mmCIF file of all heavy atoms, coordinates in Angstrom:
data_MODEL
# 
_entry.id   MODEL 
# 
loop_
_atom_site.group_PDB 
_atom_site.id 
_atom_site.type_symbol 
_atom_site.label_atom_id 
_atom_site.label_alt_id 
_atom_site.label_comp_id 
_atom_site.label_asym_id 
_atom_site.label_entity_id 
_atom_site.label_seq_id 
_atom_site.pdbx_PDB_ins_code 
_atom_site.Cartn_x 
_atom_site.Cartn_y 
_atom_site.Cartn_z 
_atom_site.occupancy 
_atom_site.B_iso_or_equiv 
_atom_site.pdbx_formal_charge 
_atom_site.auth_seq_id 
_atom_site.auth_comp_id 
_atom_site.auth_asym_id 
_atom_site.auth_atom_id 
_atom_site.pdbx_PDB_model_num 
ATOM 1   N N   . LEU A 1 1  ? 108.974 113.599 90.208  1.00 0.00 ? 1  LEU A N   1 
ATOM 2   C CA  . LEU A 1 1  ? 108.772 114.696 91.144  1.00 0.00 ? 1  LEU A CA  1 
ATOM 3   C C   . LEU A 1 1  ? 108.771 114.195 92.580  1.00 0.00 ? 1  LEU A C   1 
ATOM 4   O O   . LEU A 1 1  ? 109.291 114.843 93.465  1.00 0.00 ? 1  LEU A O   1 
ATOM 5   C CB  . LEU A 1 1  ? 107.464 115.414 90.841  1.00 0.00 ? 1  LEU A CB  1 
ATOM 6   C CG  . LEU A 1 1  ? 107.415 116.159 89.513  1.00 0.00 ? 1  LEU A CG  1 
ATOM 7   C CD1 . LEU A 1 1  ? 106.040 116.757 89.297  1.00 0.00 ? 1  LEU A CD1 1 
ATOM 8   C CD2 . LEU A 1 1  ? 108.479 117.240 89.474  1.00 0.00 ? 1  LEU A CD2 1 
ATOM 9   N N   . VAL A 1 2  ? 108.158 113.050 92.819  1.00 0.00 ? 2  VAL A N   1 
ATOM 10  C CA  . VAL A 1 2  ? 108.123 112.453 94.146  1.00 0.00 ? 2  VAL A CA  1 
ATOM 11  C C   . VAL A 1 2  ? 108.699 111.049 94.035  1.00 0.00 ? 2  VAL A C   1 
ATOM 12  O O   . VAL A 1 2  ? 108.195 110.219 93.291  1.00 0.00 ? 2  VAL A O   1 
ATOM 13  C CB  . VAL A 1 2  ? 106.683 112.394 94.699  1.00 0.00 ? 2  VAL A CB  1 
ATOM 14  C CG1 . VAL A 1 2  ? 106.670 111.726 96.053  1.00 0.00 ? 2  VAL A CG1 1 
ATOM 15  C CG2 . VAL A 1 2  ? 106.091 113.786 94.776  1.00 0.00 ? 2  VAL A CG2 1 
ATOM 16  N N   . ARG A 1 3  ? 109.750 110.802 94.778  1.00 0.00 ? 3  ARG A N   1 
ATOM 17  C CA  . ARG A 1 3  ? 110.392 109.497 94.733  1.00 0.00 ? 3  ARG A CA  1 
ATOM 18  C C   . ARG A 1 3  ? 109.638 108.519 95.622  1.00 0.00 ? 3  ARG A C   1 
ATOM 19  O O   . ARG A 1 3  ? 109.018 108.905 96.608  1.00 0.00 ? 3  ARG A O   1 
ATOM 20  C CB  . ARG A 1 3  ? 111.836 109.609 95.181  1.00 0.00 ? 3  ARG A CB  1 
ATOM 21  C CG  . ARG A 1 3  ? 112.643 110.527 94.275  1.00 0.00 ? 3  ARG A CG  1 
ATOM 22  C CD  . ARG A 1 3  ? 114.002 110.770 94.811  1.00 0.00 ? 3  ARG A CD  1 
ATOM 23  N NE  . ARG A 1 3  ? 113.880 111.432 96.115  1.00 0.00 ? 3  ARG A NE  1 
ATOM 24  C CZ  . ARG A 1 3  ? 114.924 111.733 96.869  1.00 0.00 ? 3  ARG A CZ  1 
ATOM 25  N NH1 . ARG A 1 3  ? 116.131 111.424 96.489  1.00 0.00 ? 3  ARG A NH1 1 
ATOM 26  N NH2 . ARG A 1 3  ? 114.762 112.339 98.023  1.00 0.00 ? 3  ARG A NH2 1 
ATOM 27  N N   . ALA A 1 4  ? 109.707 107.257 95.312  1.00 0.00 ? 4  ALA A N   1 
ATOM 28  C CA  . ALA A 1 4  ? 109.004 106.224 96.075  1.00 0.00 ? 4  ALA A CA  1 
ATOM 29  C C   . ALA A 1 4  ? 109.459 106.190 97.521  1.00 0.00 ? 4  ALA A C   1 
ATOM 30  O O   . ALA A 1 4  ? 108.666 105.941 98.425  1.00 0.00 ? 4  ALA A O   1 
ATOM 31  C CB  . ALA A 1 4  ? 109.201 104.866 95.422  1.00 0.00 ? 4  ALA A CB  1 
ATOM 32  N N   . CYS A 1 5  ? 110.724 106.482 97.775  1.00 0.00 ? 5  CYS A N   1 
ATOM 33  C CA  . CYS A 1 5  ? 111.215 106.446 99.156  1.00 0.00 ? 5  CYS A CA  1 
ATOM 34  C C   . CYS A 1 5  ? 110.710 107.629 99.980  1.00 0.00 ? 5  CYS A C   1 
ATOM 35  O O   . CYS A 1 5  ? 110.841 107.635 101.199 1.00 0.00 ? 5  CYS A O   1 
ATOM 36  C CB  . CYS A 1 5  ? 112.739 106.377 99.184  1.00 0.00 ? 5  CYS A CB  1 
ATOM 37  S SG  . CYS A 1 5  ? 113.549 107.760 98.365  1.00 0.00 ? 5  CYS A SG  1 
ATOM 38  N N   . ASP A 1 6  ? 110.124 108.647 99.341  1.00 0.00 ? 6  ASP A N   1 
ATOM 39  C CA  . ASP A 1 6  ? 109.549 109.782 100.065 1.00 0.00 ? 6  ASP A CA  1 
ATOM 40  C C   . ASP A 1 6  ? 108.130 109.506 100.552 1.00 0.00 ? 6  ASP A C   1 
ATOM 41  O O   . ASP A 1 6  ? 107.623 110.210 101.411 1.00 0.00 ? 6  ASP A O   1 
ATOM 42  C CB  . ASP A 1 6  ? 109.505 111.032 99.174  1.00 0.00 ? 6  ASP A CB  1 
ATOM 43  C CG  . ASP A 1 6  ? 110.888 111.613 98.928  1.00 0.00 ? 6  ASP A CG  1 
ATOM 44  O OD1 . ASP A 1 6  ? 111.732 111.533 99.836  1.00 0.00 ? 6  ASP A OD1 1 
ATOM 45  O OD2 . ASP A 1 6  ? 111.120 112.150 97.833  1.00 0.00 ? 6  ASP A OD2 1 
ATOM 46  N N   . LEU A 1 7  ? 107.476 108.515 99.982  1.00 0.00 ? 7  LEU A N   1 
ATOM 47  C CA  . LEU A 1 7  ? 106.087 108.229 100.323 1.00 0.00 ? 7  LEU A CA  1 
ATOM 48  C C   . LEU A 1 7  ? 105.993 107.334 101.555 1.00 0.00 ? 7  LEU A C   1 
ATOM 49  O O   . LEU A 1 7  ? 106.873 106.512 101.790 1.00 0.00 ? 7  LEU A O   1 
ATOM 50  C CB  . LEU A 1 7  ? 105.400 107.548 99.138  1.00 0.00 ? 7  LEU A CB  1 
ATOM 51  C CG  . LEU A 1 7  ? 105.359 108.360 97.851  1.00 0.00 ? 7  LEU A CG  1 
ATOM 52  C CD1 . LEU A 1 7  ? 104.790 107.518 96.726  1.00 0.00 ? 7  LEU A CD1 1 
ATOM 53  C CD2 . LEU A 1 7  ? 104.551 109.625 98.047  1.00 0.00 ? 7  LEU A CD2 1 
ATOM 54  N N   . PRO A 1 8  ? 104.903 107.468 102.344 1.00 0.00 ? 8  PRO A N   1 
ATOM 55  C CA  . PRO A 1 8  ? 104.722 106.560 103.486 1.00 0.00 ? 8  PRO A CA  1 
ATOM 56  C C   . PRO A 1 8  ? 104.627 105.122 103.001 1.00 0.00 ? 8  PRO A C   1 
ATOM 57  O O   . PRO A 1 8  ? 104.084 104.856 101.932 1.00 0.00 ? 8  PRO A O   1 
ATOM 58  C CB  . PRO A 1 8  ? 103.409 106.999 104.111 1.00 0.00 ? 8  PRO A CB  1 
ATOM 59  C CG  . PRO A 1 8  ? 103.096 108.326 103.531 1.00 0.00 ? 8  PRO A CG  1 
ATOM 60  C CD  . PRO A 1 8  ? 103.821 108.421 102.231 1.00 0.00 ? 8  PRO A CD  1 
ATOM 61  N N   . GLY A 1 9  ? 105.142 104.224 103.785 1.00 0.00 ? 9  GLY A N   1 
ATOM 62  C CA  . GLY A 1 9  ? 105.139 102.812 103.421 1.00 0.00 ? 9  GLY A CA  1 
ATOM 63  C C   . GLY A 1 9  ? 103.788 102.165 103.674 1.00 0.00 ? 9  GLY A C   1 
ATOM 64  O O   . GLY A 1 9  ? 102.814 102.829 104.011 1.00 0.00 ? 9  GLY A O   1 
ATOM 65  N N   . PRO A 1 10 ? 103.731 100.875 103.530 1.00 0.00 ? 10 PRO A N   1 
ATOM 66  C CA  . PRO A 1 10 ? 102.473 100.154 103.722 1.00 0.00 ? 10 PRO A CA  1 
ATOM 67  C C   . PRO A 1 10 ? 102.080 100.100 105.199 1.00 0.00 ? 10 PRO A C   1 
ATOM 68  O O   . PRO A 1 10 ? 102.893 100.345 106.076 1.00 0.00 ? 10 PRO A O   1 
ATOM 69  C CB  . PRO A 1 10 ? 102.805 98.747  103.210 1.00 0.00 ? 10 PRO A CB  1 
ATOM 70  C CG  . PRO A 1 10 ? 104.285 98.629  103.399 1.00 0.00 ? 10 PRO A CG  1 
ATOM 71  C CD  . PRO A 1 10 ? 104.838 100.000 103.177 1.00 0.00 ? 10 PRO A CD  1 
ATOM 72  N N   . TRP A 1 11 ? 100.818 99.778  105.442 1.00 0.00 ? 11 TRP A N   1 
ATOM 73  C CA  . TRP A 1 11 ? 100.336 99.600  106.815 1.00 0.00 ? 11 TRP A CA  1 
ATOM 74  C C   . TRP A 1 11 ? 100.942 98.332  107.385 1.00 0.00 ? 11 TRP A C   1 
ATOM 75  O O   . TRP A 1 11 ? 101.131 97.342  106.672 1.00 0.00 ? 11 TRP A O   1 
ATOM 76  C CB  . TRP A 1 11 ? 98.814  99.499  106.820 1.00 0.00 ? 11 TRP A CB  1 
ATOM 77  C CG  . TRP A 1 11 ? 98.150  100.801 106.536 1.00 0.00 ? 11 TRP A CG  1 
ATOM 78  C CD1 . TRP A 1 11 ? 97.762  101.270 105.316 1.00 0.00 ? 11 TRP A CD1 1 
ATOM 79  C CD2 . TRP A 1 11 ? 97.796  101.811 107.473 1.00 0.00 ? 11 TRP A CD2 1 
ATOM 80  N NE1 . TRP A 1 11 ? 97.191  102.506 105.447 1.00 0.00 ? 11 TRP A NE1 1 
ATOM 81  C CE2 . TRP A 1 11 ? 97.190  102.864 106.763 1.00 0.00 ? 11 TRP A CE2 1 
ATOM 82  C CE3 . TRP A 1 11 ? 97.932  101.926 108.850 1.00 0.00 ? 11 TRP A CE3 1 
ATOM 83  C CZ2 . TRP A 1 11 ? 96.720  104.016 107.383 1.00 0.00 ? 11 TRP A CZ2 1 
ATOM 84  C CZ3 . TRP A 1 11 ? 97.460  103.070 109.467 1.00 0.00 ? 11 TRP A CZ3 1 
ATOM 85  C CH2 . TRP A 1 11 ? 96.865  104.098 108.736 1.00 0.00 ? 11 TRP A CH2 1 
ATOM 86  N N   . THR A 1 12 ? 101.258 98.357  108.649 1.00 0.00 ? 12 THR A N   1 
ATOM 87  C CA  . THR A 1 12 ? 101.857 97.210  109.324 1.00 0.00 ? 12 THR A CA  1 
ATOM 88  C C   . THR A 1 12 ? 101.374 97.170  110.765 1.00 0.00 ? 12 THR A C   1 
ATOM 89  O O   . THR A 1 12 ? 100.814 98.147  111.251 1.00 0.00 ? 12 THR A O   1 
ATOM 90  C CB  . THR A 1 12 ? 103.403 97.283  109.256 1.00 0.00 ? 12 THR A CB  1 
ATOM 91  O OG1 . THR A 1 12 ? 103.946 96.096  109.774 1.00 0.00 ? 12 THR A OG1 1 
ATOM 92  C CG2 . THR A 1 12 ? 103.934 98.480  109.994 1.00 0.00 ? 12 THR A CG2 1 
ATOM 93  N N   . ILE A 1 13 ? 101.584 96.046  111.431 1.00 0.00 ? 13 ILE A N   1 
ATOM 94  C CA  . ILE A 1 13 ? 101.268 95.988  112.860 1.00 0.00 ? 13 ILE A CA  1 
ATOM 95  C C   . ILE A 1 13 ? 102.565 95.796  113.633 1.00 0.00 ? 13 ILE A C   1 
ATOM 96  O O   . ILE A 1 13 ? 103.496 95.146  113.157 1.00 0.00 ? 13 ILE A O   1 
ATOM 97  C CB  . ILE A 1 13 ? 100.234 94.894  113.216 1.00 0.00 ? 13 ILE A CB  1 
ATOM 98  C CG1 . ILE A 1 13 ? 100.739 93.496  112.918 1.00 0.00 ? 13 ILE A CG1 1 
ATOM 99  C CG2 . ILE A 1 13 ? 98.929  95.135  112.509 1.00 0.00 ? 13 ILE A CG2 1 
ATOM 100 C CD1 . ILE A 1 13 ? 99.805  92.408  113.415 1.00 0.00 ? 13 ILE A CD1 1 
ATOM 101 N N   . GLY A 1 14 ? 102.630 96.403  114.811 1.00 0.00 ? 14 GLY A N   1 
ATOM 102 C CA  . GLY A 1 14 ? 103.847 96.395  115.592 1.00 0.00 ? 14 GLY A CA  1 
ATOM 103 C C   . GLY A 1 14 ? 103.901 95.320  116.666 1.00 0.00 ? 14 GLY A C   1 
ATOM 104 O O   . GLY A 1 14 ? 104.711 95.396  117.561 1.00 0.00 ? 14 GLY A O   1 
ATOM 105 N N   . THR A 1 15 ? 103.025 94.342  116.598 1.00 0.00 ? 15 THR A N   1 
ATOM 106 C CA  . THR A 1 15 ? 102.992 93.255  117.566 1.00 0.00 ? 15 THR A CA  1 
ATOM 107 C C   . THR A 1 15 ? 102.613 91.976  116.834 1.00 0.00 ? 15 THR A C   1 
ATOM 108 O O   . THR A 1 15 ? 102.364 92.007  115.632 1.00 0.00 ? 15 THR A O   1 
ATOM 109 C CB  . THR A 1 15 ? 101.997 93.584  118.709 1.00 0.00 ? 15 THR A CB  1 
ATOM 110 O OG1 . THR A 1 15 ? 102.083 92.590  119.703 1.00 0.00 ? 15 THR A OG1 1 
ATOM 111 C CG2 . THR A 1 15 ? 100.595 93.729  118.201 1.00 0.00 ? 15 THR A CG2 1 
ATOM 112 N N   . SER A 1 16 ? 102.532 90.868  117.516 1.00 0.00 ? 16 SER A N   1 
ATOM 113 C CA  . SER A 1 16 ? 102.238 89.606  116.836 1.00 0.00 ? 16 SER A CA  1 
ATOM 114 C C   . SER A 1 16 ? 100.771 89.472  116.432 1.00 0.00 ? 16 SER A C   1 
ATOM 115 O O   . SER A 1 16 ? 100.459 88.819  115.452 1.00 0.00 ? 16 SER A O   1 
ATOM 116 C CB  . SER A 1 16 ? 102.644 88.419  117.714 1.00 0.00 ? 16 SER A CB  1 
ATOM 117 O OG  . SER A 1 16 ? 101.953 88.469  118.948 1.00 0.00 ? 16 SER A OG  1 
ATOM 118 N N   . ALA A 1 17 ? 99.864  90.102  117.178 1.00 0.00 ? 17 ALA A N   1 
ATOM 119 C CA  . ALA A 1 17 ? 98.438  90.023  116.849 1.00 0.00 ? 17 ALA A CA  1 
ATOM 120 C C   . ALA A 1 17 ? 97.692  91.191  117.493 1.00 0.00 ? 17 ALA A C   1 
ATOM 121 O O   . ALA A 1 17 ? 98.103  91.702  118.531 1.00 0.00 ? 17 ALA A O   1 
ATOM 122 C CB  . ALA A 1 17 ? 97.851  88.713  117.348 1.00 0.00 ? 17 ALA A CB  1 
ATOM 123 N N   . VAL A 1 18 ? 96.598  91.608  116.843 1.00 0.00 ? 18 VAL A N   1 
ATOM 124 C CA  . VAL A 1 18 ? 95.758  92.701  117.331 1.00 0.00 ? 18 VAL A CA  1 
ATOM 125 C C   . VAL A 1 18 ? 94.306  92.260  117.209 1.00 0.00 ? 18 VAL A C   1 
ATOM 126 O O   . VAL A 1 18 ? 93.912  91.678  116.195 1.00 0.00 ? 18 VAL A O   1 
ATOM 127 C CB  . VAL A 1 18 ? 95.975  93.978  116.486 1.00 0.00 ? 18 VAL A CB  1 
ATOM 128 C CG1 . VAL A 1 18 ? 95.070  95.099  116.941 1.00 0.00 ? 18 VAL A CG1 1 
ATOM 129 C CG2 . VAL A 1 18 ? 97.414  94.417  116.516 1.00 0.00 ? 18 VAL A CG2 1 
ATOM 130 N N   . LYS A 1 19 ? 93.507  92.539  118.228 1.00 0.00 ? 19 LYS A N   1 
ATOM 131 C CA  . LYS A 1 19 ? 92.081  92.204  118.162 1.00 0.00 ? 19 LYS A CA  1 
ATOM 132 C C   . LYS A 1 19 ? 91.365  93.159  117.221 1.00 0.00 ? 19 LYS A C   1 
ATOM 133 O O   . LYS A 1 19 ? 91.580  94.370  117.256 1.00 0.00 ? 19 LYS A O   1 
ATOM 134 C CB  . LYS A 1 19 ? 91.440  92.292  119.541 1.00 0.00 ? 19 LYS A CB  1 
ATOM 135 C CG  . LYS A 1 19 ? 91.859  91.179  120.468 1.00 0.00 ? 19 LYS A CG  1 
ATOM 136 C CD  . LYS A 1 19 ? 91.127  91.287  121.797 1.00 0.00 ? 19 LYS A CD  1 
ATOM 137 C CE  . LYS A 1 19 ? 91.610  90.177  122.723 1.00 0.00 ? 19 LYS A CE  1 
ATOM 138 N NZ  . LYS A 1 19 ? 90.980  90.279  124.041 1.00 0.00 ? 19 LYS A NZ  1 
ATOM 139 N N   . ILE A 1 20 ? 90.512  92.596  116.379 1.00 0.00 ? 20 ILE A N   1 
ATOM 140 C CA  . ILE A 1 20 ? 89.639  93.397  115.526 1.00 0.00 ? 20 ILE A CA  1 
ATOM 141 C C   . ILE A 1 20 ? 88.328  93.538  116.289 1.00 0.00 ? 20 ILE A C   1 
ATOM 142 O O   . ILE A 1 20 ? 87.727  92.539  116.686 1.00 0.00 ? 20 ILE A O   1 
ATOM 143 C CB  . ILE A 1 20 ? 89.402  92.722  114.163 1.00 0.00 ? 20 ILE A CB  1 
ATOM 144 C CG1 . ILE A 1 20 ? 90.733  92.462  113.453 1.00 0.00 ? 20 ILE A CG1 1 
ATOM 145 C CG2 . ILE A 1 20 ? 88.478  93.566  113.299 1.00 0.00 ? 20 ILE A CG2 1 
ATOM 146 C CD1 . ILE A 1 20 ? 90.609  91.627  112.193 1.00 0.00 ? 20 ILE A CD1 1 
ATOM 147 N N   . ARG A 1 21 ? 87.905  94.783  116.507 1.00 0.00 ? 21 ARG A N   1 
ATOM 148 C CA  . ARG A 1 21 ? 86.730  95.023  117.343 1.00 0.00 ? 21 ARG A CA  1 
ATOM 149 C C   . ARG A 1 21 ? 85.548  95.552  116.537 1.00 0.00 ? 21 ARG A C   1 
ATOM 150 O O   . ARG A 1 21 ? 85.716  96.098  115.459 1.00 0.00 ? 21 ARG A O   1 
ATOM 151 C CB  . ARG A 1 21 ? 87.088  95.989  118.462 1.00 0.00 ? 21 ARG A CB  1 
ATOM 152 C CG  . ARG A 1 21 ? 88.175  95.413  119.363 1.00 0.00 ? 21 ARG A CG  1 
ATOM 153 C CD  . ARG A 1 21 ? 88.326  96.204  120.631 1.00 0.00 ? 21 ARG A CD  1 
ATOM 154 N NE  . ARG A 1 21 ? 89.291  95.602  121.534 1.00 0.00 ? 21 ARG A NE  1 
ATOM 155 C CZ  . ARG A 1 21 ? 88.995  94.703  122.450 1.00 0.00 ? 21 ARG A CZ  1 
ATOM 156 N NH1 . ARG A 1 21 ? 87.768  94.292  122.611 1.00 0.00 ? 21 ARG A NH1 1 
ATOM 157 N NH2 . ARG A 1 21 ? 89.940  94.209  123.228 1.00 0.00 ? 21 ARG A NH2 1 
ATOM 158 N N   . LYS A 1 22 ? 84.347  95.369  117.093 1.00 0.00 ? 22 LYS A N   1 
ATOM 159 C CA  . LYS A 1 22 ? 83.112  95.776  116.437 1.00 0.00 ? 22 LYS A CA  1 
ATOM 160 C C   . LYS A 1 22 ? 82.992  97.294  116.335 1.00 0.00 ? 22 LYS A C   1 
ATOM 161 O O   . LYS A 1 22 ? 82.469  97.821  115.360 1.00 0.00 ? 22 LYS A O   1 
ATOM 162 C CB  . LYS A 1 22 ? 81.920  95.200  117.199 1.00 0.00 ? 22 LYS A CB  1 
ATOM 163 C CG  . LYS A 1 22 ? 80.609  95.372  116.515 1.00 0.00 ? 22 LYS A CG  1 
ATOM 164 C CD  . LYS A 1 22 ? 79.522  94.630  117.257 1.00 0.00 ? 22 LYS A CD  1 
ATOM 165 C CE  . LYS A 1 22 ? 78.196  94.737  116.521 1.00 0.00 ? 22 LYS A CE  1 
ATOM 166 N NZ  . LYS A 1 22 ? 77.168  93.937  117.169 1.00 0.00 ? 22 LYS A NZ  1 
ATOM 167 N N   . SER A 1 23 ? 83.459  98.011  117.341 1.00 0.00 ? 23 SER A N   1 
ATOM 168 C CA  . SER A 1 23 ? 83.451  99.476  117.321 1.00 0.00 ? 23 SER A CA  1 
ATOM 169 C C   . SER A 1 23 ? 84.781  99.976  117.887 1.00 0.00 ? 23 SER A C   1 
ATOM 170 O O   . SER A 1 23 ? 85.526  99.210  118.499 1.00 0.00 ? 23 SER A O   1 
ATOM 171 C CB  . SER A 1 23 ? 82.267  100.014 118.131 1.00 0.00 ? 23 SER A CB  1 
ATOM 172 O OG  . SER A 1 23 ? 82.336  99.587  119.462 1.00 0.00 ? 23 SER A OG  1 
ATOM 173 N N   . PRO A 1 24 ? 85.105  101.263 117.692 1.00 0.00 ? 24 PRO A N   1 
ATOM 174 C CA  . PRO A 1 24 ? 86.433  101.764 118.078 1.00 0.00 ? 24 PRO A CA  1 
ATOM 175 C C   . PRO A 1 24 ? 86.601  102.059 119.570 1.00 0.00 ? 24 PRO A C   1 
ATOM 176 O O   . PRO A 1 24 ? 86.907  103.179 119.964 1.00 0.00 ? 24 PRO A O   1 
ATOM 177 C CB  . PRO A 1 24 ? 86.576  103.027 117.231 1.00 0.00 ? 24 PRO A CB  1 
ATOM 178 C CG  . PRO A 1 24 ? 85.194  103.498 117.018 1.00 0.00 ? 24 PRO A CG  1 
ATOM 179 C CD  . PRO A 1 24 ? 84.354  102.253 116.931 1.00 0.00 ? 24 PRO A CD  1 
ATOM 180 N N   . THR A 1 25 ? 86.402  101.044 120.404 1.00 0.00 ? 25 THR A N   1 
ATOM 181 C CA  . THR A 1 25 ? 86.659  101.160 121.838 1.00 0.00 ? 25 THR A CA  1 
ATOM 182 C C   . THR A 1 25 ? 87.235  99.839  122.338 1.00 0.00 ? 25 THR A C   1 
ATOM 183 O O   . THR A 1 25 ? 86.944  98.779  121.784 1.00 0.00 ? 25 THR A O   1 
ATOM 184 C CB  . THR A 1 25 ? 85.380  101.455 122.654 1.00 0.00 ? 25 THR A CB  1 
ATOM 185 O OG1 . THR A 1 25 ? 84.485  100.353 122.528 1.00 0.00 ? 25 THR A OG1 1 
ATOM 186 C CG2 . THR A 1 25 ? 84.701  102.728 122.188 1.00 0.00 ? 25 THR A CG2 1 
# 
């Protein structure tokens, strides 16, 4: 009923690195 190509893909990052922060600011 739902093909695999219709589903959203995996999470990814669009740069070389991202800081992980203690709170969302």
